[in-house]
Amino acid sequence: MALDMTEQPEAARYRARHERMLALGWTLLGLVLLGLSTAVGSLITGQIADEEAFLGARPCAEAEADADAEAVADAEAVAVRGTDDCLRTIRATVRSAQDAKSGPKGADVFRVRLQAPVPTPADRPFDLRSNGDLAHLVKPGGEVEVTTWRDVQVSVRQGGTSETLPGLPDEATMYVGLTLICVWTTALAFIAAFGSARRARCHATGRPVTPRVDFGWAKGLSIVVLPMVVSYFSLTLWDAWTAASMTVAIWALIAFPATFAALRWDRDR
């Protein structure tokens, strides 16, 4: 009996130390996630500004005409508006056009390079869909029209056939989704730290400890998958700030109840 009484306090002290270490670990993880949330979230405003500027861009001839009509005194400002923030069409001759592999997974693409001299960013090779119409039309020596905006290749046209290129400024909602993931996991990390600290106090004082609620795959879906799914959904329906706001609103309406339901389900098992 005396042996049991000596072993029980020692086991309680061990559990208390273990829970304190867990609380420290969860706190450090929460601080790291908080830094990631701040870093990713700081990019959202710039991404939305770029997206709105792109959506409002017009052909350069119209933009330059408007700048002249407004009699803008600063010639540099006119140049910025006419060159960077308008859709510029560049006609060039195709130097090479061939099937290629792109990305880490080696996706099939139809890679086109233009003959120099070509102004940037049209001087970079661009990838068309390997099964697209232009892949069957574009040949070396032929002429194509490349539409650019700032340092982005927007689309390629030959005759009456055109194709939009990837990489356009429409990733703001994806940054919102990543921020939501970081923010929500930050909150859960600090909650877990609080729970571990509370259990440590219970073990140290001999009070009963309520059962721990496991993380579980259901809560993982509500935390990680939902923000990205909702972000993509919002991207297809809205633009810029509206899409970002709807991402947060729709995700909150789904993720909070889903996480709460998963917690209750784990606790009631």
Protein backbone atom coordinates (compact mmCIF):
# COMPACT_ATOMS: atom_id res chain seq x y z
CA MET A 1 0.00 0.00 0.00
CA ALA A 2 2.88 2.34 0.85
CA LEU A 3 4.44 1.48 -2.51
CA ASP A 4 1.27 2.53 -4.32
CA MET A 5 1.15 5.81 -2.45
CA THR A 6 4.75 6.63 -3.40
CA GLU A 7 4.27 5.64 -7.03
CA GLN A 8 1.10 7.67 -7.53
CA PRO A 9 2.60 11.12 -6.72
CA GLU A 10 5.63 10.31 -8.87
CA ALA A 11 3.42 9.39 -11.83
CA ALA A 12 1.40 12.56 -11.31
CA ARG A 13 4.56 14.67 -11.28
CA TYR A 14 5.73 12.97 -14.48
CA ARG A 15 2.39 13.66 -16.19
CA ALA A 16 2.50 17.27 -15.01
CA ARG A 17 5.99 17.76 -16.49
CA HIS A 18 4.86 16.09 -19.70
CA GLU A 19 1.85 18.38 -20.02
CA ARG A 20 3.99 21.46 -19.31
CA MET A 21 6.34 20.47 -22.14
CA LEU A 22 3.33 19.98 -24.41
CA ALA A 23 2.02 23.40 -23.44
CA LEU A 24 5.40 24.95 -24.29
CA GLY A 25 5.50 23.10 -27.61
CA TRP A 26 1.97 24.18 -28.56
CA THR A 27 2.78 27.77 -27.62
CA LEU A 28 5.90 27.82 -29.79
CA LEU A 29 3.94 26.28 -32.67
CA GLY A 30 1.24 28.91 -32.21
CA LEU A 31 3.82 31.70 -32.37
CA VAL A 32 5.30 30.27 -35.58
CA LEU A 33 1.84 29.97 -37.13
CA LEU A 34 1.02 33.50 -36.01
CA GLY A 35 4.10 34.73 -37.88
CA LEU A 36 3.06 32.79 -40.98
CA SER A 37 -0.45 34.23 -40.73
CA THR A 38 0.95 37.74 -40.62
CA ALA A 39 3.36 37.12 -43.50
CA VAL A 40 0.77 35.55 -45.81
CA GLY A 41 -1.95 37.99 -44.82
CA SER A 42 0.29 40.96 -45.60
CA LEU A 43 0.38 39.84 -49.25
CA ILE A 44 -3.39 39.90 -49.73
CA THR A 45 -3.77 43.64 -50.25
CA GLY A 46 -1.09 43.72 -52.94
CA GLN A 47 -2.55 40.69 -54.69
CA ILE A 48 -6.02 42.24 -54.74
CA ALA A 49 -4.62 45.55 -56.02
CA ASP A 50 -2.88 43.74 -58.87
CA GLU A 51 -6.04 41.80 -59.69
CA GLU A 52 -8.17 44.95 -59.77
CA ALA A 53 -5.61 46.73 -61.93
CA PHE A 54 -5.56 43.82 -64.37
CA LEU A 55 -9.35 43.56 -64.53
CA GLY A 56 -9.55 47.30 -65.27
CA ALA A 57 -6.79 47.30 -67.88
CA ARG A 58 -7.64 48.34 -71.46
CA PRO A 59 -5.69 48.16 -74.71
CA CYS A 60 -2.70 50.49 -74.64
CA ALA A 61 -3.92 52.66 -77.52
CA GLU A 62 -7.08 53.54 -75.57
CA ALA A 63 -5.18 54.10 -72.33
CA GLU A 64 -2.68 56.41 -74.01
CA ALA A 65 -5.47 58.34 -75.75
CA ASP A 66 -7.23 58.87 -72.42
CA ALA A 67 -4.01 60.07 -70.84
CA ASP A 68 -3.55 62.63 -73.65
CA ALA A 69 -7.15 63.77 -73.35
CA GLU A 70 -6.73 64.39 -69.64
CA ALA A 71 -3.56 66.42 -70.37
CA VAL A 72 -1.53 64.71 -67.67
CA ALA A 73 1.44 66.93 -66.92
CA ASP A 74 3.75 64.25 -65.62
CA ALA A 75 5.17 62.44 -68.66
CA GLU A 76 6.49 59.64 -66.49
CA ALA A 77 3.02 58.95 -65.12
CA VAL A 78 1.69 58.79 -68.66
CA ALA A 79 4.39 56.28 -69.58
CA VAL A 80 3.54 54.11 -66.59
CA ARG A 81 -0.15 54.14 -67.46
CA GLY A 82 0.49 53.52 -71.12
CA THR A 83 3.13 50.83 -70.77
CA ASP A 84 2.63 48.98 -67.49
CA ASP A 85 -1.07 49.11 -66.76
CA CYS A 86 -2.53 48.55 -70.21
CA LEU A 87 -2.90 45.51 -72.45
CA ARG A 88 -0.16 45.67 -75.06
CA THR A 89 -0.33 43.55 -78.23
CA ILE A 90 3.01 42.38 -79.60
CA ARG A 91 3.27 40.82 -83.04
CA ALA A 92 6.20 38.48 -83.50
CA THR A 93 7.45 35.55 -85.53
CA VAL A 94 7.56 32.08 -84.00
CA ARG A 95 11.11 30.75 -83.67
CA SER A 96 10.21 27.30 -82.32
CA ALA A 97 7.06 25.44 -81.37
CA GLN A 98 7.23 21.94 -79.98
CA ASP A 99 5.83 19.54 -77.40
CA ALA A 100 7.50 19.73 -73.99
CA LYS A 101 7.16 18.78 -70.34
CA SER A 102 6.36 21.38 -67.69
CA GLY A 103 6.31 21.44 -63.92
CA PRO A 104 7.42 18.88 -61.35
CA LYS A 105 4.87 16.36 -62.63
CA GLY A 106 6.00 16.70 -66.23
CA ALA A 107 2.67 17.83 -67.68
CA ASP A 108 2.42 17.85 -71.47
CA VAL A 109 2.48 21.35 -72.95
CA PHE A 110 3.12 22.99 -76.32
CA ARG A 111 6.07 25.35 -75.80
CA VAL A 112 6.51 28.36 -78.06
CA ARG A 113 9.51 30.68 -78.39
CA LEU A 114 9.45 33.88 -80.40
CA GLN A 115 12.13 35.17 -82.68
CA ALA A 116 14.24 38.06 -81.31
CA PRO A 117 14.08 40.94 -80.93
CA VAL A 118 10.87 40.83 -78.89
CA PRO A 119 10.04 43.22 -76.02
CA THR A 120 9.66 41.76 -72.56
CA PRO A 121 7.74 39.80 -71.33
CA ALA A 122 6.96 38.29 -74.75
CA ASP A 123 10.62 37.31 -75.09
CA ARG A 124 10.11 34.48 -72.59
CA PRO A 125 8.91 31.08 -73.83
CA PHE A 126 5.26 30.36 -73.05
CA ASP A 127 3.30 27.13 -72.78
CA LEU A 128 0.04 26.44 -74.59
CA ARG A 129 -2.31 23.54 -73.98
CA SER A 130 -0.95 20.49 -75.74
CA ASN A 131 -4.45 19.60 -77.00
CA GLY A 132 -5.58 23.18 -77.67
CA ASP A 133 -6.44 24.67 -81.05
CA LEU A 134 -3.32 26.82 -81.16
CA ALA A 135 -1.10 23.78 -80.65
CA HIS A 136 -2.26 22.60 -84.08
CA LEU A 137 -1.99 26.03 -85.72
CA VAL A 138 1.23 27.62 -84.46
CA LYS A 139 4.27 26.67 -86.56
CA PRO A 140 7.85 27.98 -86.72
CA GLY A 141 8.01 30.96 -89.05
CA GLY A 142 4.37 31.89 -88.47
CA GLU A 143 3.23 35.15 -86.90
CA VAL A 144 1.35 35.37 -83.61
CA GLU A 145 0.01 38.16 -81.43
CA VAL A 146 0.95 38.09 -77.75
CA THR A 147 -1.01 40.27 -75.33
CA THR A 148 0.95 41.39 -72.25
CA TRP A 149 0.21 43.36 -69.09
CA ARG A 150 3.07 44.66 -66.96
CA ASP A 151 5.41 41.65 -66.78
CA VAL A 152 2.68 39.09 -67.45
CA GLN A 153 1.91 37.22 -70.66
CA VAL A 154 -1.88 37.33 -70.90
CA SER A 155 -2.89 35.55 -74.11
CA VAL A 156 -1.74 34.41 -77.53
CA ARG A 157 -3.68 34.80 -80.77
CA GLN A 158 -3.22 33.57 -84.31
CA GLY A 159 -5.89 34.48 -86.79
CA GLY A 160 -9.24 34.05 -85.07
CA THR A 161 -7.99 31.61 -82.45
CA SER A 162 -6.71 32.70 -79.05
CA GLU A 163 -5.73 31.10 -75.76
CA THR A 164 -5.38 32.59 -72.30
CA LEU A 165 -2.07 31.83 -70.63
CA PRO A 166 -1.66 30.75 -66.98
CA GLY A 167 -0.20 32.98 -64.30
CA LEU A 168 -2.68 35.86 -64.46
CA PRO A 169 -3.12 37.95 -61.27
CA ASP A 170 -6.10 36.10 -59.81
CA GLU A 171 -4.57 34.39 -56.77
CA ALA A 172 -5.79 36.77 -54.06
CA THR A 173 -8.38 34.34 -52.74
CA MET A 174 -5.78 31.58 -52.52
CA TYR A 175 -3.76 33.84 -50.20
CA VAL A 176 -6.93 34.43 -48.19
CA GLY A 177 -7.41 30.68 -47.91
CA LEU A 178 -3.83 30.14 -46.75
CA THR A 179 -4.23 32.93 -44.20
CA LEU A 180 -7.41 31.34 -42.86
CA ILE A 181 -5.62 28.01 -42.47
CA CYS A 182 -2.78 29.68 -40.56
CA VAL A 183 -5.08 31.79 -38.39
CA TRP A 184 -7.35 28.90 -37.42
CA THR A 185 -4.48 26.51 -36.67
CA THR A 186 -2.84 29.30 -34.64
CA ALA A 187 -5.98 29.59 -32.53
CA LEU A 188 -6.15 25.83 -32.05
CA ALA A 189 -2.47 25.67 -31.11
CA PHE A 190 -2.99 28.25 -28.35
CA ILE A 191 -6.14 26.44 -27.21
CA ALA A 192 -4.15 23.20 -27.03
CA ALA A 193 -1.43 25.01 -25.05
CA PHE A 194 -4.05 26.25 -22.59
CA GLY A 195 -5.49 22.73 -22.27
CA SER A 196 -2.07 21.20 -21.61
CA ALA A 197 -1.28 23.83 -18.99
CA ARG A 198 -4.64 23.17 -17.31
CA ARG A 199 -4.01 19.41 -17.26
CA ALA A 200 -0.55 20.02 -15.79
CA ARG A 201 -2.10 21.97 -12.92
CA CYS A 202 -4.65 19.23 -12.37
CA HIS A 203 -1.95 16.56 -12.17
CA ALA A 204 0.16 18.73 -9.87
CA THR A 205 -2.71 19.42 -7.46
CA GLY A 206 -4.29 15.97 -7.63
CA ARG A 207 -7.53 17.17 -9.20
CA PRO A 208 -9.32 14.96 -11.76
CA VAL A 209 -8.45 15.55 -15.39
CA THR A 210 -11.15 15.68 -18.05
CA PRO A 211 -10.48 13.45 -21.09
CA ARG A 212 -8.45 15.00 -23.89
CA VAL A 213 -10.22 15.49 -27.20
CA ASP A 214 -8.18 14.06 -30.07
CA PHE A 215 -7.58 16.19 -33.16
CA GLY A 216 -9.17 13.75 -35.61
CA TRP A 217 -9.42 13.84 -39.39
CA ALA A 218 -12.82 15.56 -39.36
CA LYS A 219 -11.40 18.70 -37.76
CA GLY A 220 -8.49 18.56 -40.19
CA LEU A 221 -10.91 18.81 -43.10
CA SER A 222 -12.65 21.83 -41.61
CA ILE A 223 -9.33 23.56 -40.94
CA VAL A 224 -7.20 22.82 -44.00
CA VAL A 225 -9.41 21.72 -46.87
CA LEU A 226 -12.36 24.07 -46.46
CA PRO A 227 -10.47 27.37 -46.83
CA MET A 228 -8.90 26.31 -50.12
CA VAL A 229 -12.16 24.87 -51.52
CA VAL A 230 -14.09 27.99 -50.56
CA SER A 231 -11.33 30.19 -52.00
CA TYR A 232 -11.55 28.45 -55.35
CA PHE A 233 -15.33 28.63 -55.26
CA SER A 234 -15.25 32.36 -54.50
CA LEU A 235 -12.69 32.96 -57.25
CA THR A 236 -15.10 31.60 -59.85
CA LEU A 237 -17.98 33.84 -58.71
CA TRP A 238 -16.52 37.15 -57.51
CA ASP A 239 -13.52 39.38 -58.06
CA ALA A 240 -10.95 41.06 -55.81
CA TRP A 241 -12.19 42.28 -52.41
CA THR A 242 -15.64 40.75 -52.86
CA ALA A 243 -14.11 37.31 -53.42
CA ALA A 244 -11.79 37.73 -50.43
CA SER A 245 -14.65 38.81 -48.15
CA MET A 246 -16.92 36.00 -49.32
CA THR A 247 -14.10 33.50 -48.76
CA VAL A 248 -13.89 34.51 -45.11
CA ALA A 249 -17.67 34.62 -44.66
CA ILE A 250 -18.44 31.28 -46.33
CA TRP A 251 -15.53 29.52 -44.64
CA ALA A 252 -16.57 30.81 -41.20
CA LEU A 253 -20.16 29.66 -41.74
CA ILE A 254 -18.90 26.15 -42.54
CA ALA A 255 -15.68 25.70 -40.58
CA PHE A 256 -16.87 26.83 -37.14
CA PRO A 257 -19.91 24.52 -37.01
CA ALA A 258 -17.93 21.66 -38.58
CA THR A 259 -15.14 21.97 -36.03
CA PHE A 260 -17.62 22.28 -33.15
CA ALA A 261 -19.52 19.21 -34.37
CA ALA A 262 -16.29 17.23 -34.65
CA LEU A 263 -15.28 18.23 -31.12
CA ARG A 264 -18.66 17.19 -29.75
CA TRP A 265 -18.52 13.93 -31.69
CA ASP A 266 -15.10 13.09 -30.24
CA ARG A 267 -16.21 14.03 -26.72
CA ASP A 268 -19.42 12.00 -26.85
CA ARG A 269 -17.88 8.80 -28.16
